[in-house]
């Protein structure tokens, strides 16, 4: 997936603020909200996993991918079980814990 395709996908889907985790501000999109874009949803997940960077959050490692001031990630489930993509604004510096 090319950068412009990623940006187009991101701009074309609904992002919902995660109200239940307001102490950790982020948004998410759900595959079923955009059934006509399931292929793009899955392609973006693969892009995150194949081109992203590892970071530890609450003791668990996730793959993150940065686009236009946001970091994107999933919860690490197999592709066929992944139903949402998260995003949060990037901090001023990227912290990567090994």
PDB file of N, CA and C in Angstrom:
ATOM      1  N   UNK A   1       0.865  -1.180   0.000  1.00  0.00           N
ATOM      2  CA  UNK A   1       0.000   0.000   0.000  1.00  0.00           C
ATOM      3  C   UNK A   1       0.905   1.235   0.000  1.00  0.00           C
ATOM      4  N   UNK A   2       0.684   2.109  -0.937  1.00  0.00           N
ATOM      5  CA  UNK A   2       1.483   3.323  -1.060  1.00  0.00           C
ATOM      6  C   UNK A   2       1.005   4.368  -0.058  1.00  0.00           C
ATOM      7  N   UNK A   3       1.881   5.312   0.245  1.00  0.00           N
ATOM      8  CA  UNK A   3       1.579   6.337   1.243  1.00  0.00           C
ATOM      9  C   UNK A   3       0.293   7.084   0.918  1.00  0.00           C
ATOM     10  N   UNK A   4       0.094   7.462  -0.326  1.00  0.00           N
ATOM     11  CA  UNK A   4      -1.123   8.200  -0.693  1.00  0.00           C
ATOM     12  C   UNK A   4      -2.367   7.344  -0.506  1.00  0.00           C
ATOM     13  N   UNK A   5      -2.281   6.047  -0.791  1.00  0.00           N
ATOM     14  CA  UNK A   5      -3.415   5.142  -0.585  1.00  0.00           C
ATOM     15  C   UNK A   5      -3.741   5.024   0.902  1.00  0.00           C
ATOM     16  N   UNK A   6      -2.702   4.971   1.725  1.00  0.00           N
ATOM     17  CA  UNK A   6      -2.902   4.919   3.174  1.00  0.00           C
ATOM     18  C   UNK A   6      -3.603   6.184   3.646  1.00  0.00           C
ATOM     19  N   UNK A   7      -3.112   7.335   3.208  1.00  0.00           N
ATOM     20  CA  UNK A   7      -3.709   8.608   3.610  1.00  0.00           C
ATOM     21  C   UNK A   7      -5.156   8.713   3.144  1.00  0.00           C
ATOM     22  N   UNK A   8      -5.435   8.251   1.932  1.00  0.00           N
ATOM     23  CA  UNK A   8      -6.804   8.266   1.411  1.00  0.00           C
ATOM     24  C   UNK A   8      -7.705   7.377   2.260  1.00  0.00           C
ATOM     25  N   UNK A   9      -7.222   6.185   2.604  1.00  0.00           N
ATOM     26  CA  UNK A   9      -8.010   5.278   3.446  1.00  0.00           C
ATOM     27  C   UNK A   9      -8.289   5.927   4.803  1.00  0.00           C
ATOM     28  N   UNK A  10      -7.253   6.450   5.446  1.00  0.00           N
ATOM     29  CA  UNK A  10      -7.389   7.073   6.772  1.00  0.00           C
ATOM     30  C   UNK A  10      -8.416   8.200   6.731  1.00  0.00           C
ATOM     31  N   UNK A  11      -8.368   9.013   5.688  1.00  0.00           N
ATOM     32  CA  UNK A  11      -9.285  10.151   5.568  1.00  0.00           C
ATOM     33  C   UNK A  11     -10.710   9.724   5.248  1.00  0.00           C
ATOM     34  N   UNK A  12     -10.875   8.522   4.719  1.00  0.00           N
ATOM     35  CA  UNK A  12     -12.197   8.110   4.243  1.00  0.00           C
ATOM     36  C   UNK A  12     -13.020   7.305   5.257  1.00  0.00           C
ATOM     37  N   UNK A  13     -12.424   6.954   6.393  1.00  0.00           N
ATOM     38  CA  UNK A  13     -13.150   6.137   7.367  1.00  0.00           C
ATOM     39  C   UNK A  13     -13.444   6.926   8.639  1.00  0.00           C
ATOM     40  N   UNK A  14     -14.437   6.453   9.367  1.00  0.00           N
ATOM     41  CA  UNK A  14     -14.838   7.071  10.631  1.00  0.00           C
ATOM     42  C   UNK A  14     -13.843   6.686  11.723  1.00  0.00           C
ATOM     43  N   UNK A  15     -13.439   7.676  12.540  1.00  0.00           N
ATOM     44  CA  UNK A  15     -12.591   7.440  13.705  1.00  0.00           C
ATOM     45  C   UNK A  15     -13.370   7.865  14.937  1.00  0.00           C
ATOM     46  N   UNK A  16     -13.458   6.989  15.915  1.00  0.00           N
ATOM     47  CA  UNK A  16     -14.231   7.216  17.141  1.00  0.00           C
ATOM     48  C   UNK A  16     -13.285   7.389  18.326  1.00  0.00           C
ATOM     49  N   UNK A  17     -13.511   8.431  19.125  1.00  0.00           N
ATOM     50  CA  UNK A  17     -12.709   8.606  20.338  1.00  0.00           C
ATOM     51  C   UNK A  17     -13.027   7.475  21.312  1.00  0.00           C
ATOM     52  N   UNK A  18     -11.998   6.892  21.903  1.00  0.00           N
ATOM     53  CA  UNK A  18     -12.169   5.782  22.853  1.00  0.00           C
ATOM     54  C   UNK A  18     -12.543   6.352  24.219  1.00  0.00           C
ATOM     55  N   UNK A  19     -13.828   6.545  24.463  1.00  0.00           N
ATOM     56  CA  UNK A  19     -14.321   7.175  25.696  1.00  0.00           C
ATOM     57  C   UNK A  19     -13.982   6.382  26.948  1.00  0.00           C
ATOM     58  N   UNK A  20     -13.948   5.067  26.830  1.00  0.00           N
ATOM     59  CA  UNK A  20     -13.698   4.235  28.006  1.00  0.00           C
ATOM     60  C   UNK A  20     -12.236   4.283  28.444  1.00  0.00           C
ATOM     61  N   UNK A  21     -11.375   4.864  27.623  1.00  0.00           N
ATOM     62  CA  UNK A  21      -9.949   4.968  27.959  1.00  0.00           C
ATOM     63  C   UNK A  21      -9.499   6.418  27.833  1.00  0.00           C
ATOM     64  N   UNK A  22     -10.250   7.334  28.414  1.00  0.00           N
ATOM     65  CA  UNK A  22      -9.951   8.762  28.256  1.00  0.00           C
ATOM     66  C   UNK A  22      -8.603   9.153  28.861  1.00  0.00           C
ATOM     67  N   UNK A  23      -8.087   8.361  29.794  1.00  0.00           N
ATOM     68  CA  UNK A  23      -6.767   8.644  30.374  1.00  0.00           C
ATOM     69  C   UNK A  23      -5.649   8.344  29.372  1.00  0.00           C
ATOM     70  N   UNK A  24      -5.968   7.559  28.358  1.00  0.00           N
ATOM     71  CA  UNK A  24      -5.021   7.232  27.289  1.00  0.00           C
ATOM     72  C   UNK A  24      -5.701   7.635  25.982  1.00  0.00           C
ATOM     73  N   UNK A  25      -5.694   8.934  25.671  1.00  0.00           N
ATOM     74  CA  UNK A  25      -6.470   9.419  24.523  1.00  0.00           C
ATOM     75  C   UNK A  25      -6.056   8.773  23.197  1.00  0.00           C
ATOM     76  N   UNK A  26      -7.031   8.178  22.556  1.00  0.00           N
ATOM     77  CA  UNK A  26      -6.818   7.623  21.219  1.00  0.00           C
ATOM     78  C   UNK A  26      -8.165   7.423  20.547  1.00  0.00           C
ATOM     79  N   UNK A  27      -8.113   7.109  19.272  1.00  0.00           N
ATOM     80  CA  UNK A  27      -9.299   6.846  18.470  1.00  0.00           C
ATOM     81  C   UNK A  27      -9.163   5.472  17.842  1.00  0.00           C
ATOM     82  N   UNK A  28     -10.261   4.987  17.287  1.00  0.00           N
ATOM     83  CA  UNK A  28     -10.232   3.701  16.604  1.00  0.00           C
ATOM     84  C   UNK A  28     -11.243   3.699  15.470  1.00  0.00           C
ATOM     85  N   UNK A  29     -11.002   2.815  14.515  1.00  0.00           N
ATOM     86  CA  UNK A  29     -11.964   2.560  13.456  1.00  0.00           C
ATOM     87  C   UNK A  29     -12.216   1.059  13.431  1.00  0.00           C
ATOM     88  N   UNK A  30     -13.413   0.688  13.041  1.00  0.00           N
ATOM     89  CA  UNK A  30     -13.830  -0.713  13.041  1.00  0.00           C
ATOM     90  C   UNK A  30     -14.133  -1.150  11.611  1.00  0.00           C
ATOM     91  N   UNK A  31     -13.661  -2.320  11.247  1.00  0.00           N
ATOM     92  CA  UNK A  31     -13.831  -2.823   9.881  1.00  0.00           C
ATOM     93  C   UNK A  31     -15.294  -2.810   9.453  1.00  0.00           C
ATOM     94  N   UNK A  32     -16.192  -3.231  10.314  1.00  0.00           N
ATOM     95  CA  UNK A  32     -17.608  -3.353   9.922  1.00  0.00           C
ATOM     96  C   UNK A  32     -18.282  -2.002   9.672  1.00  0.00           C
ATOM     97  N   UNK A  33     -17.671  -0.912  10.111  1.00  0.00           N
ATOM     98  CA  UNK A  33     -18.227   0.409   9.816  1.00  0.00           C
ATOM     99  C   UNK A  33     -18.081   0.762   8.343  1.00  0.00           C
ATOM    100  N   UNK A  34     -17.144   0.112   7.672  1.00  0.00           N
ATOM    101  CA  UNK A  34     -16.844   0.406   6.268  1.00  0.00           C
ATOM    102  C   UNK A  34     -16.729  -0.896   5.478  1.00  0.00           C
ATOM    103  N   UNK A  35     -17.830  -1.638   5.335  1.00  0.00           N
ATOM    104  CA  UNK A  35     -17.753  -2.966   4.715  1.00  0.00           C
ATOM    105  C   UNK A  35     -17.196  -2.959   3.294  1.00  0.00           C
ATOM    106  N   UNK A  36     -17.363  -1.894   2.564  1.00  0.00           N
ATOM    107  CA  UNK A  36     -16.833  -1.809   1.204  1.00  0.00           C
ATOM    108  C   UNK A  36     -15.328  -1.577   1.156  1.00  0.00           C
ATOM    109  N   UNK A  37     -14.725  -1.380   2.329  1.00  0.00           N
ATOM    110  CA  UNK A  37     -13.289  -1.099   2.378  1.00  0.00           C
ATOM    111  C   UNK A  37     -12.529  -2.149   3.178  1.00  0.00           C
ATOM    112  N   UNK A  38     -13.109  -3.343   3.296  1.00  0.00           N
ATOM    113  CA  UNK A  38     -12.470  -4.397   4.085  1.00  0.00           C
ATOM    114  C   UNK A  38     -11.085  -4.757   3.547  1.00  0.00           C
ATOM    115  N   UNK A  39     -10.943  -4.801   2.229  1.00  0.00           N
ATOM    116  CA  UNK A  39      -9.627  -5.106   1.643  1.00  0.00           C
ATOM    117  C   UNK A  39      -8.597  -4.046   2.021  1.00  0.00           C
ATOM    118  N   UNK A  40      -8.987  -2.766   1.983  1.00  0.00           N
ATOM    119  CA  UNK A  40      -8.075  -1.692   2.363  1.00  0.00           C
ATOM    120  C   UNK A  40      -7.754  -1.747   3.851  1.00  0.00           C
ATOM    121  N   UNK A  41      -8.755  -2.070   4.664  1.00  0.00           N
ATOM    122  CA  UNK A  41      -8.562  -2.240   6.110  1.00  0.00           C
ATOM    123  C   UNK A  41      -7.483  -3.291   6.363  1.00  0.00           C
ATOM    124  N   UNK A  42      -7.623  -4.440   5.734  1.00  0.00           N
ATOM    125  CA  UNK A  42      -6.659  -5.529   5.932  1.00  0.00           C
ATOM    126  C   UNK A  42      -5.287  -5.185   5.354  1.00  0.00           C
ATOM    127  N   UNK A  43      -5.263  -4.491   4.231  1.00  0.00           N
ATOM    128  CA  UNK A  43      -3.989  -4.092   3.633  1.00  0.00           C
ATOM    129  C   UNK A  43      -3.264  -3.104   4.545  1.00  0.00           C
ATOM    130  N   UNK A  44      -4.009  -2.192   5.171  1.00  0.00           N
ATOM    131  CA  UNK A  44      -3.398  -1.237   6.094  1.00  0.00           C
ATOM    132  C   UNK A  44      -2.834  -1.969   7.317  1.00  0.00           C
ATOM    133  N   UNK A  45      -3.552  -2.955   7.826  1.00  0.00           N
ATOM    134  CA  UNK A  45      -3.047  -3.751   8.951  1.00  0.00           C
ATOM    135  C   UNK A  45      -1.724  -4.415   8.574  1.00  0.00           C
ATOM    136  N   UNK A  46      -1.676  -5.027   7.408  1.00  0.00           N
ATOM    137  CA  UNK A  46      -0.433  -5.671   6.964  1.00  0.00           C
ATOM    138  C   UNK A  46       0.689  -4.655   6.814  1.00  0.00           C
ATOM    139  N   UNK A  47       0.366  -3.467   6.336  1.00  0.00           N
ATOM    140  CA  UNK A  47       1.366  -2.403   6.208  1.00  0.00           C
ATOM    141  C   UNK A  47       1.919  -2.026   7.579  1.00  0.00           C
ATOM    142  N   UNK A  48       1.051  -1.877   8.567  1.00  0.00           N
ATOM    143  CA  UNK A  48       1.484  -1.568   9.933  1.00  0.00           C
ATOM    144  C   UNK A  48       2.437  -2.647  10.427  1.00  0.00           C
ATOM    145  N   UNK A  49       2.059  -3.889  10.237  1.00  0.00           N
ATOM    146  CA  UNK A  49       2.836  -5.009  10.767  1.00  0.00           C
ATOM    147  C   UNK A  49       4.144  -5.241  10.024  1.00  0.00           C
ATOM    148  N   UNK A  50       4.164  -4.964   8.735  1.00  0.00           N
ATOM    149  CA  UNK A  50       5.363  -5.224   7.936  1.00  0.00           C
ATOM    150  C   UNK A  50       6.322  -4.051   7.888  1.00  0.00           C
ATOM    151  N   UNK A  51       5.823  -2.834   8.083  1.00  0.00           N
ATOM    152  CA  UNK A  51       6.654  -1.641   7.925  1.00  0.00           C
ATOM    153  C   UNK A  51       6.766  -0.792   9.189  1.00  0.00           C
ATOM    154  N   UNK A  52       6.123  -1.223  10.257  1.00  0.00           N
ATOM    155  CA  UNK A  52       6.102  -0.442  11.480  1.00  0.00           C
ATOM    156  C   UNK A  52       7.302  -0.678  12.372  1.00  0.00           C
ATOM    157  N   UNK A  53       7.191  -0.182  13.593  1.00  0.00           N
ATOM    158  CA  UNK A  53       8.238  -0.336  14.595  1.00  0.00           C
ATOM    159  C   UNK A  53       7.616  -0.897  15.872  1.00  0.00           C
ATOM    160  N   UNK A  54       8.424  -1.592  16.641  1.00  0.00           N
ATOM    161  CA  UNK A  54       7.955  -2.205  17.879  1.00  0.00           C
ATOM    162  C   UNK A  54       8.018  -1.196  19.015  1.00  0.00           C
ATOM    163  N   UNK A  55       7.002  -1.272  19.884  1.00  0.00           N
ATOM    164  CA  UNK A  55       6.984  -0.463  21.093  1.00  0.00           C
ATOM    165  C   UNK A  55       6.254  -1.258  22.163  1.00  0.00           C
ATOM    166  N   UNK A  56       6.658  -1.075  23.401  1.00  0.00           N
ATOM    167  CA  UNK A  56       6.044  -1.784  24.519  1.00  0.00           C
ATOM    168  C   UNK A  56       5.053  -0.858  25.208  1.00  0.00           C
ATOM    169  N   UNK A  57       3.847  -1.355  25.433  1.00  0.00           N
ATOM    170  CA  UNK A  57       2.803  -0.617  26.125  1.00  0.00           C
ATOM    171  C   UNK A  57       2.224  -1.524  27.196  1.00  0.00           C
ATOM    172  N   UNK A  58       2.324  -1.104  28.449  1.00  0.00           N
ATOM    173  CA  UNK A  58       1.858  -1.908  29.584  1.00  0.00           C
ATOM    174  C   UNK A  58       2.399  -3.335  29.535  1.00  0.00           C
ATOM    175  N   UNK A  59       3.670  -3.455  29.217  1.00  0.00           N
ATOM    176  CA  UNK A  59       4.351  -4.742  29.244  1.00  0.00           C
ATOM    177  C   UNK A  59       4.121  -5.634  28.035  1.00  0.00           C
ATOM    178  N   UNK A  60       3.365  -5.173  27.061  1.00  0.00           N
ATOM    179  CA  UNK A  60       3.115  -5.971  25.860  1.00  0.00           C
ATOM    180  C   UNK A  60       3.634  -5.226  24.634  1.00  0.00           C
ATOM    181  N   UNK A  61       4.241  -5.963  23.714  1.00  0.00           N
ATOM    182  CA  UNK A  61       4.821  -5.370  22.515  1.00  0.00           C
ATOM    183  C   UNK A  61       3.787  -5.298  21.387  1.00  0.00           C
ATOM    184  N   UNK A  62       3.733  -4.143  20.747  1.00  0.00           N
ATOM    185  CA  UNK A  62       2.850  -3.921  19.605  1.00  0.00           C
ATOM    186  C   UNK A  62       3.664  -3.334  18.461  1.00  0.00           C
ATOM    187  N   UNK A  63       3.131  -3.441  17.253  1.00  0.00           N
ATOM    188  CA  UNK A  63       3.729  -2.811  16.079  1.00  0.00           C
ATOM    189  C   UNK A  63       2.961  -1.515  15.795  1.00  0.00           C
ATOM    190  N   UNK A  64       3.713  -0.444  15.610  1.00  0.00           N
ATOM    191  CA  UNK A  64       3.142   0.867  15.332  1.00  0.00           C
ATOM    192  C   UNK A  64       3.626   1.350  13.974  1.00  0.00           C
ATOM    193  N   UNK A  65       2.826   2.206  13.356  1.00  0.00           N
ATOM    194  CA  UNK A  65       3.173   2.786  12.060  1.00  0.00           C
ATOM    195  C   UNK A  65       2.722   4.248  12.090  1.00  0.00           C
ATOM    196  N   UNK A  66       3.600   5.169  11.741  1.00  0.00           N
ATOM    197  CA  UNK A  66       3.309   6.601  11.812  1.00  0.00           C
ATOM    198  C   UNK A  66       2.906   7.174  10.461  1.00  0.00           C
ATOM    199  N   UNK A  67       1.842   7.984  10.492  1.00  0.00           N
ATOM    200  CA  UNK A  67       1.378   8.690   9.296  1.00  0.00           C
ATOM    201  C   UNK A  67       0.837  10.052   9.723  1.00  0.00           C
ATOM    202  N   UNK A  68       1.387  11.111   9.161  1.00  0.00           N
ATOM    203  CA  UNK A  68       0.868  12.471   9.346  1.00  0.00           C
ATOM    204  C   UNK A  68       0.560  12.833  10.802  1.00  0.00           C
ATOM    205  N   UNK A  69       1.502  12.599  11.694  1.00  0.00           N
ATOM    206  CA  UNK A  69       1.342  13.026  13.079  1.00  0.00           C
ATOM    207  C   UNK A  69       0.580  12.072  13.983  1.00  0.00           C
ATOM    208  N   UNK A  70       0.215  10.904  13.465  1.00  0.00           N
ATOM    209  CA  UNK A  70      -0.472   9.887  14.258  1.00  0.00           C
ATOM    210  C   UNK A  70       0.304   8.579  14.205  1.00  0.00           C
ATOM    211  N   UNK A  71       0.187   7.788  15.270  1.00  0.00           N
ATOM    212  CA  UNK A  71       0.687   6.415  15.262  1.00  0.00           C
ATOM    213  C   UNK A  71      -0.526   5.502  15.202  1.00  0.00           C
ATOM    214  N   UNK A  72      -0.406   4.441  14.424  1.00  0.00           N
ATOM    215  CA  UNK A  72      -1.488   3.482  14.205  1.00  0.00           C
ATOM    216  C   UNK A  72      -1.029   2.114  14.681  1.00  0.00           C
ATOM    217  N   UNK A  73      -1.951   1.327  15.268  1.00  0.00           N
ATOM    218  CA  UNK A  73      -1.614  -0.016  15.730  1.00  0.00           C
ATOM    219  C   UNK A  73      -2.871  -0.857  15.878  1.00  0.00           C
ATOM    220  N   UNK A  74      -2.654  -2.160  15.932  1.00  0.00           N
ATOM    221  CA  UNK A  74      -3.728  -3.097  16.244  1.00  0.00           C
ATOM    222  C   UNK A  74      -3.337  -3.812  17.530  1.00  0.00           C
ATOM    223  N   UNK A  75      -4.182  -4.698  17.997  1.00  0.00           N
ATOM    224  CA  UNK A  75      -3.907  -5.400  19.249  1.00  0.00           C
ATOM    225  C   UNK A  75      -3.097  -6.674  19.026  1.00  0.00           C
ATOM    226  N   UNK A  76      -2.707  -6.940  17.788  1.00  0.00           N
ATOM    227  CA  UNK A  76      -1.813  -8.056  17.504  1.00  0.00           C
ATOM    228  C   UNK A  76      -2.477  -9.387  17.225  1.00  0.00           C
ATOM    229  N   UNK A  77      -3.793  -9.400  17.157  1.00  0.00           N
ATOM    230  CA  UNK A  77      -4.493 -10.643  16.826  1.00  0.00           C
ATOM    231  C   UNK A  77      -4.204 -11.032  15.380  1.00  0.00           C
ATOM    232  N   UNK A  78      -4.415 -12.312  15.026  1.00  0.00           N
ATOM    233  CA  UNK A  78      -4.268 -12.701  13.617  1.00  0.00           C
ATOM    234  C   UNK A  78      -5.154 -11.817  12.730  1.00  0.00           C
ATOM    235  N   UNK A  79      -4.736 -11.628  11.503  1.00  0.00           N
ATOM    236  CA  UNK A  79      -5.441 -10.735  10.585  1.00  0.00           C
ATOM    237  C   UNK A  79      -6.934 -11.028  10.527  1.00  0.00           C
ATOM    238  N   UNK A  80      -7.301 -12.295  10.412  1.00  0.00           N
ATOM    239  CA  UNK A  80      -8.728 -12.651  10.275  1.00  0.00           C
ATOM    240  C   UNK A  80      -9.534 -12.372  11.539  1.00  0.00           C
ATOM    241  N   UNK A  81      -8.870 -12.142  12.669  1.00  0.00           N
ATOM    242  CA  UNK A  81      -9.554 -11.835  13.932  1.00  0.00           C
ATOM    243  C   UNK A  81      -9.473 -10.355  14.296  1.00  0.00           C
ATOM    244  N   UNK A  82      -8.737  -9.579  13.531  1.00  0.00           N
ATOM    245  CA  UNK A  82      -8.556  -8.159  13.840  1.00  0.00           C
ATOM    246  C   UNK A  82      -9.756  -7.382  13.324  1.00  0.00           C
ATOM    247  N   UNK A  83     -10.397  -6.661  14.234  1.00  0.00           N
ATOM    248  CA  UNK A  83     -11.609  -5.926  13.881  1.00  0.00           C
ATOM    249  C   UNK A  83     -11.448  -4.418  13.953  1.00  0.00           C
ATOM    250  N   UNK A  84     -10.346  -3.943  14.573  1.00  0.00           N
ATOM    251  CA  UNK A  84     -10.180  -2.503  14.685  1.00  0.00           C
ATOM    252  C   UNK A  84      -8.726  -2.079  14.558  1.00  0.00           C
ATOM    253  N   UNK A  85      -8.570  -0.824  14.176  1.00  0.00           N
ATOM    254  CA  UNK A  85      -7.268  -0.172  14.112  1.00  0.00           C
ATOM    255  C   UNK A  85      -7.345   1.032  15.035  1.00  0.00           C
ATOM    256  N   UNK A  86      -6.338   1.190  15.882  1.00  0.00           N
ATOM    257  CA  UNK A  86      -6.244   2.319  16.800  1.00  0.00           C
ATOM    258  C   UNK A  86      -5.337   3.393  16.219  1.00  0.00           C
ATOM    259  N   UNK A  87      -5.521   4.626  16.713  1.00  0.00           N
ATOM    260  CA  UNK A  87      -4.587   5.688  16.384  1.00  0.00           C
ATOM    261  C   UNK A  87      -4.535   6.697  17.526  1.00  0.00           C
ATOM    262  N   UNK A  88      -3.372   7.318  17.684  1.00  0.00           N
ATOM    263  CA  UNK A  88      -3.172   8.368  18.679  1.00  0.00           C
ATOM    264  C   UNK A  88      -2.192   9.375  18.113  1.00  0.00           C
ATOM    265  N   UNK A  89      -2.315  10.601  18.580  1.00  0.00           N
ATOM    266  CA  UNK A  89      -1.358  11.623  18.152  1.00  0.00           C
ATOM    267  C   UNK A  89       0.022  11.240  18.654  1.00  0.00           C
ATOM    268  N   UNK A  90       1.013  11.491  17.827  1.00  0.00           N
ATOM    269  CA  UNK A  90       2.394  11.202  18.203  1.00  0.00           C
ATOM    270  C   UNK A  90       2.864  12.152  19.293  1.00  0.00           C
ATOM    271  N   UNK A  91       3.632  11.620  20.217  1.00  0.00           N
ATOM    272  CA  UNK A  91       4.293  12.446  21.217  1.00  0.00           C
ATOM    273  C   UNK A  91       5.427  13.178  20.519  1.00  0.00           C
ATOM    274  N   UNK A  92       6.019  14.108  21.216  1.00  0.00           N
ATOM    275  CA  UNK A  92       7.107  14.852  20.607  1.00  0.00           C
ATOM    276  C   UNK A  92       8.295  13.959  20.288  1.00  0.00           C
ATOM    277  N   UNK A  93       8.467  12.895  21.058  1.00  0.00           N
ATOM    278  CA  UNK A  93       9.525  11.935  20.731  1.00  0.00           C
ATOM    279  C   UNK A  93       8.975  10.524  20.841  1.00  0.00           C
ATOM    280  N   UNK A  94       9.448   9.669  19.979  1.00  0.00           N
ATOM    281  CA  UNK A  94       9.013   8.285  19.925  1.00  0.00           C
ATOM    282  C   UNK A  94       9.805   7.481  20.955  1.00  0.00           C
ATOM    283  N   UNK A  95       9.101   6.835  21.885  1.00  0.00           N
ATOM    284  CA  UNK A  95       9.761   5.994  22.883  1.00  0.00           C
ATOM    285  C   UNK A  95       9.621   4.550  22.463  1.00  0.00           C
ATOM    286  N   UNK A  96      10.728   3.887  22.295  1.00  0.00           N
ATOM    287  CA  UNK A  96      10.701   2.483  21.958  1.00  0.00           C
ATOM    288  C   UNK A  96      11.446   1.734  23.054  1.00  0.00           C
ATOM    289  N   UNK A  97      10.733   0.829  23.725  1.00  0.00           N
ATOM    290  CA  UNK A  97      11.331   0.047  24.784  1.00  0.00           C
ATOM    291  C   UNK A  97      11.578  -1.365  24.265  1.00  0.00           C
ATOM    292  N   UNK A  98      12.730  -1.910  24.566  1.00  0.00           N
ATOM    293  CA  UNK A  98      13.048  -3.275  24.126  1.00  0.00           C
ATOM    294  C   UNK A  98      12.588  -4.284  25.138  1.00  0.00           C
TER     295      UNK A  98
END
